[in-house]
Amino acid sequence: MKQILTVAILAIVLVLTACGEKKKSENIIAPRVEKVKPKAPIQMPEFDREIPVDWIGKTYLVGISRRPSDSLSMVKDETGQQFVDNIFTLTVKRKDGSVFFNRTFTKQSLSTYLDDDYRRTGIFEGLVFDKADGDWLVFGASVGHPQTDEYIPLVIRLSRMGELVIKRDVQMDTQNVDTPAQSTTDEDDV
């Protein structure tokens, strides 16, 4: 009987030992995440372009220049990196060199068409000539979050009388082959 009792106690001890919880290590091995340190303010390169455009029966020179400006408020991204905002100058000259239109644009010039987020964290990234459309020269502009694909597209239209109309561009750049092209602005708004 002593042997049976000893074997039973030994079996119970083995079962309890086998079912016991293993001690967990409190050492967690994970790579250390280093916080990205902001660099000096980042700015886009200067840009100058002048192209001839046939418009209302004559040739005009359309000039666009971009200049980073330390005088404008800098923008910070989520890491604290600062970005320099830009100033764009749009010039339209007649063939004889006289200036038909000249205006400087900043993000502030376009703020009516931006939401609070882009007013605060966006920079004026681009201004490009699109096309001559009847009595209008059409330009595309963008205010975006720096170094991302996120931006607000704008259409800037300049009339033969020097009138400027700015709107958000709601037309997608991609078009279905079966769908006819649509205008980027309503003629009623012009």
N, C-alpha and C. Protein backbone atom coordinates (compact mmCIF):
# COMPACT_ATOMS: atom_id res chain seq x y z
N MET A 1 0.81 -1.17 0.00
CA MET A 1 0.00 0.00 0.00
C MET A 1 0.87 1.25 0.00
N LYS A 2 1.99 1.18 0.69
CA LYS A 2 2.89 2.32 0.71
C LYS A 2 3.42 2.60 -0.69
N GLN A 3 3.62 1.51 -1.45
CA GLN A 3 4.12 1.70 -2.81
C GLN A 3 3.06 2.36 -3.68
N ILE A 4 1.85 1.96 -3.54
CA ILE A 4 0.77 2.55 -4.33
C ILE A 4 0.59 4.01 -3.95
N LEU A 5 0.64 4.31 -2.67
CA LEU A 5 0.53 5.69 -2.21
C LEU A 5 1.71 6.51 -2.71
N THR A 6 2.90 5.99 -2.69
CA THR A 6 4.08 6.70 -3.17
C THR A 6 3.97 6.94 -4.67
N VAL A 7 3.52 5.93 -5.41
CA VAL A 7 3.36 6.09 -6.87
C VAL A 7 2.28 7.13 -7.15
N ALA A 8 1.19 7.13 -6.39
CA ALA A 8 0.09 8.09 -6.60
C ALA A 8 0.57 9.51 -6.30
N ILE A 9 1.31 9.71 -5.22
CA ILE A 9 1.84 11.04 -4.87
C ILE A 9 2.82 11.50 -5.93
N LEU A 10 3.66 10.59 -6.38
CA LEU A 10 4.62 10.92 -7.43
C LEU A 10 3.90 11.31 -8.73
N ALA A 11 2.83 10.61 -9.06
CA ALA A 11 2.05 10.92 -10.27
C ALA A 11 1.40 12.28 -10.14
N ILE A 12 0.86 12.59 -8.96
CA ILE A 12 0.22 13.88 -8.73
C ILE A 12 1.25 15.00 -8.84
N VAL A 13 2.43 14.79 -8.28
CA VAL A 13 3.50 15.80 -8.35
C VAL A 13 3.91 16.02 -9.81
N LEU A 14 4.04 14.94 -10.58
CA LEU A 14 4.41 15.06 -11.99
C LEU A 14 3.34 15.81 -12.79
N VAL A 15 2.07 15.48 -12.54
CA VAL A 15 0.96 16.14 -13.24
C VAL A 15 0.95 17.63 -12.89
N LEU A 16 1.09 17.96 -11.63
CA LEU A 16 1.08 19.37 -11.21
C LEU A 16 2.27 20.11 -11.78
N THR A 17 3.42 19.48 -11.83
CA THR A 17 4.61 20.11 -12.38
C THR A 17 4.45 20.32 -13.88
N ALA A 18 3.90 19.35 -14.59
CA ALA A 18 3.73 19.44 -16.04
C ALA A 18 2.68 20.48 -16.41
N CYS A 19 1.65 20.63 -15.62
CA CYS A 19 0.58 21.58 -15.93
C CYS A 19 0.86 22.98 -15.42
N GLY A 20 1.91 23.13 -14.68
CA GLY A 20 2.23 24.45 -14.14
C GLY A 20 2.58 25.44 -15.25
N GLU A 21 2.33 26.71 -15.01
CA GLU A 21 2.60 27.76 -15.99
C GLU A 21 4.09 28.02 -16.06
N LYS A 22 4.58 28.15 -17.28
CA LYS A 22 5.98 28.43 -17.46
C LYS A 22 6.24 29.90 -17.14
N LYS A 23 7.36 30.15 -16.58
CA LYS A 23 7.73 31.51 -16.22
C LYS A 23 8.02 32.30 -17.51
N LYS A 24 7.38 33.44 -17.66
CA LYS A 24 7.56 34.27 -18.84
C LYS A 24 8.72 35.22 -18.63
N SER A 25 9.46 35.39 -19.68
CA SER A 25 10.59 36.31 -19.63
C SER A 25 10.05 37.74 -19.76
N GLU A 26 10.58 38.64 -18.99
CA GLU A 26 10.16 40.03 -19.07
C GLU A 26 11.05 40.83 -20.01
N ASN A 27 11.99 40.16 -20.63
CA ASN A 27 12.86 40.82 -21.60
C ASN A 27 12.19 40.80 -22.97
N ILE A 28 11.91 41.96 -23.51
CA ILE A 28 11.32 42.08 -24.84
C ILE A 28 12.39 42.63 -25.76
N ILE A 29 12.65 41.88 -26.80
CA ILE A 29 13.68 42.32 -27.74
C ILE A 29 12.97 42.95 -28.94
N ALA A 30 13.14 44.24 -29.10
CA ALA A 30 12.54 44.97 -30.22
C ALA A 30 13.51 46.06 -30.64
N PRO A 31 13.52 46.37 -31.92
CA PRO A 31 14.43 47.43 -32.36
C PRO A 31 14.01 48.78 -31.77
N ARG A 32 14.96 49.57 -31.45
CA ARG A 32 14.70 50.89 -30.89
C ARG A 32 14.27 51.82 -32.03
N VAL A 33 13.14 52.48 -31.85
CA VAL A 33 12.64 53.39 -32.86
C VAL A 33 13.24 54.76 -32.59
N GLU A 34 13.98 55.23 -33.58
CA GLU A 34 14.61 56.54 -33.44
C GLU A 34 13.67 57.58 -34.03
N LYS A 35 13.44 58.61 -33.31
CA LYS A 35 12.59 59.69 -33.78
C LYS A 35 13.32 60.46 -34.88
N VAL A 36 12.60 60.71 -35.99
CA VAL A 36 13.20 61.43 -37.10
C VAL A 36 13.41 62.88 -36.68
N LYS A 37 14.63 63.33 -36.87
CA LYS A 37 14.94 64.71 -36.49
C LYS A 37 14.78 65.60 -37.71
N PRO A 38 14.05 66.70 -37.57
CA PRO A 38 13.87 67.61 -38.70
C PRO A 38 15.21 68.16 -39.18
N LYS A 39 15.29 68.36 -40.49
CA LYS A 39 16.47 68.95 -41.11
C LYS A 39 16.21 70.44 -41.28
N ALA A 40 17.14 71.11 -41.94
CA ALA A 40 16.94 72.53 -42.27
C ALA A 40 15.68 72.62 -43.13
N PRO A 41 15.02 73.79 -43.15
CA PRO A 41 13.81 73.93 -43.95
C PRO A 41 14.05 73.50 -45.41
N ILE A 42 13.09 72.75 -45.95
CA ILE A 42 13.18 72.25 -47.31
C ILE A 42 12.44 73.21 -48.23
N GLN A 43 13.06 73.49 -49.38
CA GLN A 43 12.40 74.37 -50.34
C GLN A 43 12.48 73.78 -51.73
N MET A 44 11.51 74.13 -52.55
CA MET A 44 11.49 73.69 -53.94
C MET A 44 12.47 74.55 -54.73
N PRO A 45 12.99 74.03 -55.83
CA PRO A 45 13.92 74.84 -56.63
C PRO A 45 13.20 75.97 -57.36
N GLU A 46 13.94 77.02 -57.68
CA GLU A 46 13.38 78.10 -58.49
C GLU A 46 13.04 77.55 -59.87
N PHE A 47 12.05 78.18 -60.50
CA PHE A 47 11.58 77.71 -61.79
C PHE A 47 11.19 78.91 -62.64
N ASP A 48 11.60 78.91 -63.90
CA ASP A 48 11.21 79.94 -64.86
C ASP A 48 10.88 79.27 -66.18
N ARG A 49 9.75 79.63 -66.76
CA ARG A 49 9.39 79.09 -68.07
C ARG A 49 8.59 80.12 -68.82
N GLU A 50 8.89 80.24 -70.11
CA GLU A 50 8.14 81.15 -70.98
C GLU A 50 7.85 80.39 -72.27
N ILE A 51 6.55 80.33 -72.63
CA ILE A 51 6.17 79.59 -73.83
C ILE A 51 5.28 80.47 -74.72
N PRO A 52 5.42 80.32 -76.04
CA PRO A 52 4.52 81.05 -76.95
C PRO A 52 3.16 80.36 -77.00
N VAL A 53 2.11 81.14 -77.01
CA VAL A 53 0.75 80.61 -77.04
C VAL A 53 -0.05 81.37 -78.09
N ASP A 54 -0.69 80.64 -78.99
CA ASP A 54 -1.60 81.27 -79.96
C ASP A 54 -2.93 81.46 -79.27
N TRP A 55 -3.36 82.73 -79.21
CA TRP A 55 -4.58 83.07 -78.47
C TRP A 55 -5.24 84.25 -79.15
N ILE A 56 -6.51 84.15 -79.37
CA ILE A 56 -7.34 85.17 -80.02
C ILE A 56 -6.67 85.77 -81.26
N GLY A 57 -6.10 84.87 -82.07
CA GLY A 57 -5.54 85.28 -83.35
C GLY A 57 -4.14 85.87 -83.29
N LYS A 58 -3.50 85.88 -82.15
CA LYS A 58 -2.15 86.43 -82.02
C LYS A 58 -1.30 85.50 -81.17
N THR A 59 0.01 85.73 -81.20
CA THR A 59 0.92 84.94 -80.37
C THR A 59 1.30 85.76 -79.14
N TYR A 60 1.14 85.15 -77.98
CA TYR A 60 1.51 85.76 -76.70
C TYR A 60 2.60 84.90 -76.07
N LEU A 61 3.40 85.49 -75.21
CA LEU A 61 4.37 84.74 -74.42
C LEU A 61 3.84 84.62 -73.00
N VAL A 62 3.63 83.40 -72.55
CA VAL A 62 3.13 83.15 -71.20
C VAL A 62 4.33 82.74 -70.35
N GLY A 63 4.61 83.52 -69.33
CA GLY A 63 5.72 83.24 -68.44
C GLY A 63 5.25 82.90 -67.03
N ILE A 64 5.85 81.87 -66.47
CA ILE A 64 5.53 81.46 -65.09
C ILE A 64 6.85 81.28 -64.36
N SER A 65 6.96 81.89 -63.19
CA SER A 65 8.15 81.69 -62.37
C SER A 65 7.74 81.32 -60.95
N ARG A 66 8.56 80.46 -60.33
CA ARG A 66 8.34 80.05 -58.94
C ARG A 66 9.58 80.43 -58.15
N ARG A 67 9.35 81.06 -56.98
CA ARG A 67 10.44 81.42 -56.09
C ARG A 67 10.07 81.00 -54.67
N PRO A 68 10.92 80.19 -54.01
CA PRO A 68 10.71 79.93 -52.59
C PRO A 68 10.90 81.24 -51.83
N SER A 69 10.09 81.46 -50.80
CA SER A 69 10.16 82.74 -50.10
C SER A 69 10.24 82.56 -48.59
N ASP A 70 11.36 83.03 -48.02
CA ASP A 70 11.50 82.99 -46.56
C ASP A 70 10.60 84.01 -45.87
N SER A 71 10.04 84.96 -46.64
CA SER A 71 9.17 85.97 -46.04
C SER A 71 7.77 85.43 -45.76
N LEU A 72 7.41 84.30 -46.37
CA LEU A 72 6.11 83.69 -46.11
C LEU A 72 6.21 82.76 -44.91
N SER A 73 5.08 82.48 -44.29
CA SER A 73 5.07 81.54 -43.15
C SER A 73 5.51 80.16 -43.61
N MET A 74 6.35 79.53 -42.80
CA MET A 74 6.78 78.17 -43.11
C MET A 74 5.69 77.20 -42.67
N VAL A 75 5.71 76.03 -43.28
CA VAL A 75 4.75 74.98 -43.00
C VAL A 75 5.51 73.83 -42.35
N LYS A 76 4.88 73.18 -41.35
CA LYS A 76 5.49 72.02 -40.70
C LYS A 76 4.65 70.79 -40.97
N ASP A 77 5.33 69.65 -41.17
CA ASP A 77 4.60 68.40 -41.28
C ASP A 77 4.51 67.75 -39.89
N GLU A 78 3.99 66.51 -39.85
CA GLU A 78 3.77 65.85 -38.55
C GLU A 78 5.06 65.51 -37.81
N THR A 79 6.20 65.50 -38.51
CA THR A 79 7.47 65.22 -37.85
C THR A 79 8.16 66.50 -37.37
N GLY A 80 7.59 67.65 -37.70
CA GLY A 80 8.20 68.92 -37.32
C GLY A 80 9.09 69.50 -38.41
N GLN A 81 9.21 68.79 -39.54
CA GLN A 81 10.03 69.27 -40.65
C GLN A 81 9.39 70.54 -41.24
N GLN A 82 10.18 71.58 -41.44
CA GLN A 82 9.68 72.83 -41.99
C GLN A 82 9.87 72.85 -43.50
N PHE A 83 8.91 73.50 -44.19
CA PHE A 83 8.95 73.67 -45.63
C PHE A 83 8.73 75.14 -45.97
N VAL A 84 9.48 75.62 -46.95
CA VAL A 84 9.37 77.00 -47.40
C VAL A 84 8.26 77.08 -48.45
N ASP A 85 7.36 78.05 -48.30
CA ASP A 85 6.28 78.23 -49.26
C ASP A 85 6.80 79.01 -50.47
N ASN A 86 6.01 79.03 -51.54
CA ASN A 86 6.44 79.61 -52.81
C ASN A 86 5.60 80.80 -53.23
N ILE A 87 6.21 81.64 -54.03
CA ILE A 87 5.55 82.75 -54.70
C ILE A 87 5.63 82.46 -56.19
N PHE A 88 4.50 82.58 -56.89
CA PHE A 88 4.47 82.40 -58.34
C PHE A 88 4.14 83.73 -59.00
N THR A 89 4.79 83.99 -60.12
CA THR A 89 4.49 85.18 -60.92
C THR A 89 4.04 84.70 -62.29
N LEU A 90 2.88 85.19 -62.71
CA LEU A 90 2.32 84.88 -64.02
C LEU A 90 2.38 86.15 -64.86
N THR A 91 3.03 86.05 -66.03
CA THR A 91 3.15 87.19 -66.92
C THR A 91 2.70 86.77 -68.32
N VAL A 92 1.88 87.59 -68.94
CA VAL A 92 1.47 87.36 -70.33
C VAL A 92 1.89 88.60 -71.11
N LYS A 93 2.77 88.38 -72.12
CA LYS A 93 3.29 89.48 -72.93
C LYS A 93 2.79 89.37 -74.36
N ARG A 94 2.57 90.54 -74.95
CA ARG A 94 2.24 90.58 -76.37
C ARG A 94 3.50 90.32 -77.18
N LYS A 95 3.33 90.11 -78.48
CA LYS A 95 4.46 89.80 -79.35
C LYS A 95 5.50 90.92 -79.36
N ASP A 96 5.05 92.18 -79.18
CA ASP A 96 5.99 93.31 -79.18
C ASP A 96 6.72 93.47 -77.83
N GLY A 97 6.43 92.59 -76.87
CA GLY A 97 7.11 92.63 -75.58
C GLY A 97 6.36 93.40 -74.50
N SER A 98 5.29 94.12 -74.88
CA SER A 98 4.52 94.84 -73.86
C SER A 98 3.74 93.84 -73.00
N VAL A 99 3.54 94.20 -71.76
CA VAL A 99 2.92 93.28 -70.80
C VAL A 99 1.40 93.45 -70.81
N PHE A 100 0.70 92.37 -71.11
CA PHE A 100 -0.76 92.35 -71.06
C PHE A 100 -1.24 92.08 -69.64
N PHE A 101 -0.56 91.14 -68.94
CA PHE A 101 -0.99 90.76 -67.59
C PHE A 101 0.25 90.37 -66.79
N ASN A 102 0.29 90.82 -65.55
CA ASN A 102 1.38 90.44 -64.64
C ASN A 102 0.81 90.41 -63.23
N ARG A 103 0.95 89.28 -62.57
CA ARG A 103 0.45 89.18 -61.20
C ARG A 103 1.26 88.15 -60.43
N THR A 104 1.46 88.45 -59.16
CA THR A 104 2.15 87.55 -58.26
C THR A 104 1.10 86.86 -57.38
N PHE A 105 1.26 85.55 -57.21
CA PHE A 105 0.33 84.75 -56.42
C PHE A 105 1.07 84.09 -55.27
N THR A 106 0.40 84.02 -54.12
CA THR A 106 0.87 83.25 -52.97
C THR A 106 -0.27 82.33 -52.53
N LYS A 107 0.00 81.47 -51.59
CA LYS A 107 -1.07 80.62 -51.05
C LYS A 107 -2.18 81.50 -50.48
N GLN A 108 -1.83 82.63 -49.91
CA GLN A 108 -2.82 83.56 -49.36
C GLN A 108 -3.76 84.07 -50.46
N SER A 109 -3.24 84.25 -51.68
CA SER A 109 -4.07 84.69 -52.81
C SER A 109 -5.16 83.67 -53.13
N LEU A 110 -4.92 82.42 -52.77
CA LEU A 110 -5.84 81.33 -53.10
C LEU A 110 -6.60 80.82 -51.89
N SER A 111 -6.43 81.45 -50.74
CA SER A 111 -6.97 80.92 -49.48
C SER A 111 -8.48 80.75 -49.49
N THR A 112 -9.20 81.54 -50.26
CA THR A 112 -10.66 81.42 -50.34
C THR A 112 -11.07 80.04 -50.84
N TYR A 113 -10.21 79.41 -51.63
CA TYR A 113 -10.54 78.14 -52.27
C TYR A 113 -9.97 76.94 -51.52
N LEU A 114 -9.35 77.18 -50.37
CA LEU A 114 -8.71 76.13 -49.59
C LEU A 114 -9.47 75.88 -48.30
N ASP A 115 -9.34 74.68 -47.75
CA ASP A 115 -9.91 74.43 -46.43
C ASP A 115 -8.86 74.79 -45.37
N ASP A 116 -9.27 74.77 -44.11
CA ASP A 116 -8.37 75.18 -43.02
C ASP A 116 -7.08 74.36 -42.97
N ASP A 117 -7.19 73.06 -43.23
CA ASP A 117 -6.01 72.20 -43.19
C ASP A 117 -4.97 72.65 -44.21
N TYR A 118 -5.38 72.90 -45.44
CA TYR A 118 -4.43 73.31 -46.48
C TYR A 118 -3.95 74.75 -46.28
N ARG A 119 -4.76 75.58 -45.68
CA ARG A 119 -4.29 76.94 -45.35
C ARG A 119 -3.14 76.86 -44.33
N ARG A 120 -3.26 75.92 -43.41
CA ARG A 120 -2.30 75.78 -42.32
C ARG A 120 -1.09 74.93 -42.70
N THR A 121 -1.32 73.80 -43.40
CA THR A 121 -0.24 72.84 -43.61
C THR A 121 0.13 72.61 -45.08
N GLY A 122 -0.43 73.40 -45.98
CA GLY A 122 -0.12 73.24 -47.40
C GLY A 122 0.83 74.32 -47.90
N ILE A 123 1.51 74.02 -49.01
CA ILE A 123 2.32 75.03 -49.68
C ILE A 123 1.84 75.15 -51.12
N PHE A 124 2.04 76.32 -51.71
CA PHE A 124 1.68 76.58 -53.09
C PHE A 124 2.75 75.91 -53.94
N GLU A 125 2.41 74.75 -54.52
CA GLU A 125 3.40 73.92 -55.20
C GLU A 125 3.51 74.17 -56.69
N GLY A 126 2.38 74.45 -57.35
CA GLY A 126 2.46 74.49 -58.80
C GLY A 126 1.51 75.47 -59.46
N LEU A 127 1.96 76.00 -60.60
CA LEU A 127 1.15 76.83 -61.49
C LEU A 127 1.63 76.52 -62.89
N VAL A 128 0.73 76.03 -63.76
CA VAL A 128 1.11 75.65 -65.12
C VAL A 128 0.07 76.14 -66.11
N PHE A 129 0.54 76.42 -67.33
CA PHE A 129 -0.37 76.77 -68.42
C PHE A 129 -1.05 75.49 -68.89
N ASP A 130 -2.38 75.55 -69.11
CA ASP A 130 -3.13 74.40 -69.59
C ASP A 130 -3.47 74.57 -71.06
N LYS A 131 -4.24 75.63 -71.39
CA LYS A 131 -4.68 75.79 -72.77
C LYS A 131 -5.25 77.18 -73.00
N ALA A 132 -5.37 77.52 -74.29
CA ALA A 132 -6.12 78.70 -74.71
C ALA A 132 -7.50 78.17 -75.08
N ASP A 133 -8.53 78.74 -74.48
CA ASP A 133 -9.90 78.26 -74.68
C ASP A 133 -10.78 79.45 -75.03
N GLY A 134 -10.91 79.74 -76.32
CA GLY A 134 -11.70 80.89 -76.76
C GLY A 134 -11.07 82.18 -76.27
N ASP A 135 -11.83 82.97 -75.52
CA ASP A 135 -11.35 84.25 -74.99
C ASP A 135 -10.56 84.09 -73.69
N TRP A 136 -10.26 82.88 -73.30
CA TRP A 136 -9.65 82.62 -72.00
C TRP A 136 -8.33 81.87 -72.13
N LEU A 137 -7.38 82.22 -71.27
CA LEU A 137 -6.20 81.39 -71.04
C LEU A 137 -6.48 80.61 -69.76
N VAL A 138 -6.22 79.32 -69.79
CA VAL A 138 -6.56 78.46 -68.65
C VAL A 138 -5.26 77.91 -68.04
N PHE A 139 -5.17 78.01 -66.71
CA PHE A 139 -4.00 77.56 -65.96
C PHE A 139 -4.45 76.59 -64.87
N GLY A 140 -3.58 75.69 -64.51
CA GLY A 140 -3.82 74.80 -63.38
C GLY A 140 -2.89 75.19 -62.24
N ALA A 141 -3.41 75.14 -61.02
CA ALA A 141 -2.60 75.46 -59.84
C ALA A 141 -2.86 74.39 -58.78
N SER A 142 -1.90 74.25 -57.86
CA SER A 142 -2.10 73.28 -56.78
C SER A 142 -1.47 73.77 -55.49
N VAL A 143 -2.20 73.53 -54.41
CA VAL A 143 -1.70 73.75 -53.05
C VAL A 143 -1.76 72.38 -52.39
N GLY A 144 -0.58 71.91 -51.93
CA GLY A 144 -0.53 70.55 -51.42
C GLY A 144 0.26 70.42 -50.13
N HIS A 145 0.09 69.25 -49.52
CA HIS A 145 0.91 68.91 -48.37
C HIS A 145 2.29 68.54 -48.92
N PRO A 146 3.35 69.14 -48.39
CA PRO A 146 4.69 68.91 -48.93
C PRO A 146 5.09 67.44 -48.93
N GLN A 147 5.73 67.04 -50.01
CA GLN A 147 6.28 65.70 -50.21
C GLN A 147 5.24 64.60 -50.07
N THR A 148 3.99 64.92 -50.49
CA THR A 148 2.93 63.91 -50.56
C THR A 148 2.21 64.08 -51.89
N ASP A 149 1.28 63.20 -52.16
CA ASP A 149 0.43 63.32 -53.35
C ASP A 149 -0.90 64.00 -53.02
N GLU A 150 -1.02 64.57 -51.84
CA GLU A 150 -2.26 65.20 -51.41
C GLU A 150 -2.23 66.68 -51.77
N TYR A 151 -3.22 67.13 -52.54
CA TYR A 151 -3.26 68.53 -52.94
C TYR A 151 -4.68 68.94 -53.32
N ILE A 152 -4.89 70.24 -53.38
CA ILE A 152 -6.15 70.79 -53.87
C ILE A 152 -5.85 71.40 -55.23
N PRO A 153 -6.49 70.87 -56.30
CA PRO A 153 -6.27 71.44 -57.63
C PRO A 153 -7.19 72.64 -57.86
N LEU A 154 -6.64 73.65 -58.53
CA LEU A 154 -7.40 74.86 -58.83
C LEU A 154 -7.29 75.16 -60.32
N VAL A 155 -8.30 75.82 -60.86
CA VAL A 155 -8.28 76.30 -62.24
C VAL A 155 -8.29 77.82 -62.17
N ILE A 156 -7.32 78.43 -62.86
CA ILE A 156 -7.24 79.88 -62.96
C ILE A 156 -7.47 80.24 -64.42
N ARG A 157 -8.46 81.08 -64.67
CA ARG A 157 -8.80 81.50 -66.04
C ARG A 157 -8.58 83.00 -66.16
N LEU A 158 -7.91 83.39 -67.23
CA LEU A 158 -7.61 84.79 -67.52
C LEU A 158 -8.30 85.16 -68.82
N SER A 159 -9.18 86.19 -68.77
CA SER A 159 -9.93 86.58 -69.97
C SER A 159 -9.12 87.56 -70.81
N ARG A 160 -9.55 87.76 -72.04
CA ARG A 160 -8.89 88.71 -72.94
C ARG A 160 -9.01 90.14 -72.42
N MET A 161 -9.90 90.38 -71.46
CA MET A 161 -10.07 91.71 -70.85
C MET A 161 -9.27 91.84 -69.55
N GLY A 162 -8.53 90.80 -69.19
CA GLY A 162 -7.70 90.84 -67.98
C GLY A 162 -8.42 90.38 -66.73
N GLU A 163 -9.64 89.87 -66.87
CA GLU A 163 -10.42 89.38 -65.73
C GLU A 163 -9.87 88.01 -65.31
N LEU A 164 -9.77 87.81 -64.02
CA LEU A 164 -9.25 86.57 -63.47
C LEU A 164 -10.36 85.84 -62.73
N VAL A 165 -10.55 84.55 -63.03
CA VAL A 165 -11.53 83.71 -62.35
C VAL A 165 -10.80 82.50 -61.81
N ILE A 166 -10.95 82.26 -60.51
CA ILE A 166 -10.30 81.12 -59.86
C ILE A 166 -11.37 80.23 -59.25
N LYS A 167 -11.23 78.92 -59.48
CA LYS A 167 -12.17 77.94 -58.93
C LYS A 167 -11.42 76.67 -58.54
N ARG A 168 -12.01 75.90 -57.66
CA ARG A 168 -11.49 74.56 -57.40
C ARG A 168 -11.75 73.72 -58.64
N ASP A 169 -10.79 72.87 -58.99
CA ASP A 169 -10.95 71.98 -60.13
C ASP A 169 -11.61 70.70 -59.65
N VAL A 170 -12.81 70.45 -60.12
CA VAL A 170 -13.55 69.26 -59.71
C VAL A 170 -13.55 68.20 -60.79
N GLN A 171 -12.96 68.51 -61.94
CA GLN A 171 -12.89 67.55 -63.04
C GLN A 171 -11.69 66.64 -62.86
N MET A 172 -11.89 65.33 -62.93
CA MET A 172 -10.81 64.37 -62.85
C MET A 172 -9.95 64.46 -64.10
N ASP A 173 -8.64 64.23 -63.97
CA ASP A 173 -7.74 64.25 -65.11
C ASP A 173 -7.90 63.04 -66.01
N THR A 174 -8.40 61.94 -65.45
CA THR A 174 -8.60 60.74 -66.25
C THR A 174 -10.00 60.74 -66.80
N GLN A 175 -10.13 60.30 -68.03
CA GLN A 175 -11.45 60.27 -68.65
C GLN A 175 -11.68 58.90 -69.25
N ASN A 176 -12.91 58.43 -69.16
CA ASN A 176 -13.31 57.18 -69.77
C ASN A 176 -13.36 57.38 -71.27
N VAL A 177 -12.88 56.42 -72.04
CA VAL A 177 -12.85 56.54 -73.49
C VAL A 177 -14.25 56.73 -74.05
N ASP A 178 -15.26 56.11 -73.44
CA ASP A 178 -16.64 56.21 -73.94
C ASP A 178 -17.33 57.49 -73.52
N THR A 179 -16.74 58.26 -72.60
CA THR A 179 -17.36 59.46 -72.07
C THR A 179 -16.73 60.68 -72.72
N PRO A 180 -17.55 61.61 -73.27
CA PRO A 180 -16.97 62.81 -73.86
C PRO A 180 -16.34 63.69 -72.78
N ALA A 181 -15.33 64.47 -73.16
CA ALA A 181 -14.66 65.38 -72.21
C ALA A 181 -15.63 66.43 -71.72
N GLN A 182 -15.47 66.81 -70.46
CA GLN A 182 -16.30 67.85 -69.87
C GLN A 182 -15.43 69.04 -69.51
N SER A 183 -16.03 70.22 -69.51
CA SER A 183 -15.31 71.44 -69.17
C SER A 183 -14.98 71.45 -67.69
N THR A 184 -13.83 72.07 -67.32
CA THR A 184 -13.44 72.13 -65.91
C THR A 184 -14.16 73.24 -65.16
N THR A 185 -14.80 74.15 -65.87
CA THR A 185 -15.55 75.21 -65.21
C THR A 185 -16.88 75.38 -65.91
N ASP A 186 -17.84 75.95 -65.22
CA ASP A 186 -19.12 76.25 -65.81
C ASP A 186 -19.06 77.61 -66.47
N GLU A 187 -19.58 77.69 -67.69
CA GLU A 187 -19.54 78.97 -68.42
C GLU A 187 -20.40 80.02 -67.70
N ASP A 188 -21.41 79.58 -66.93
CA ASP A 188 -22.24 80.54 -66.20
C ASP A 188 -21.45 81.29 -65.14
N ASP A 189 -20.38 80.65 -64.62
CA ASP A 189 -19.59 81.28 -63.56
C ASP A 189 -18.54 82.24 -64.09
N VAL A 190 -18.34 82.26 -65.39
CA VAL A 190 -17.26 83.06 -65.98
C VAL A 190 -17.72 84.46 -66.24
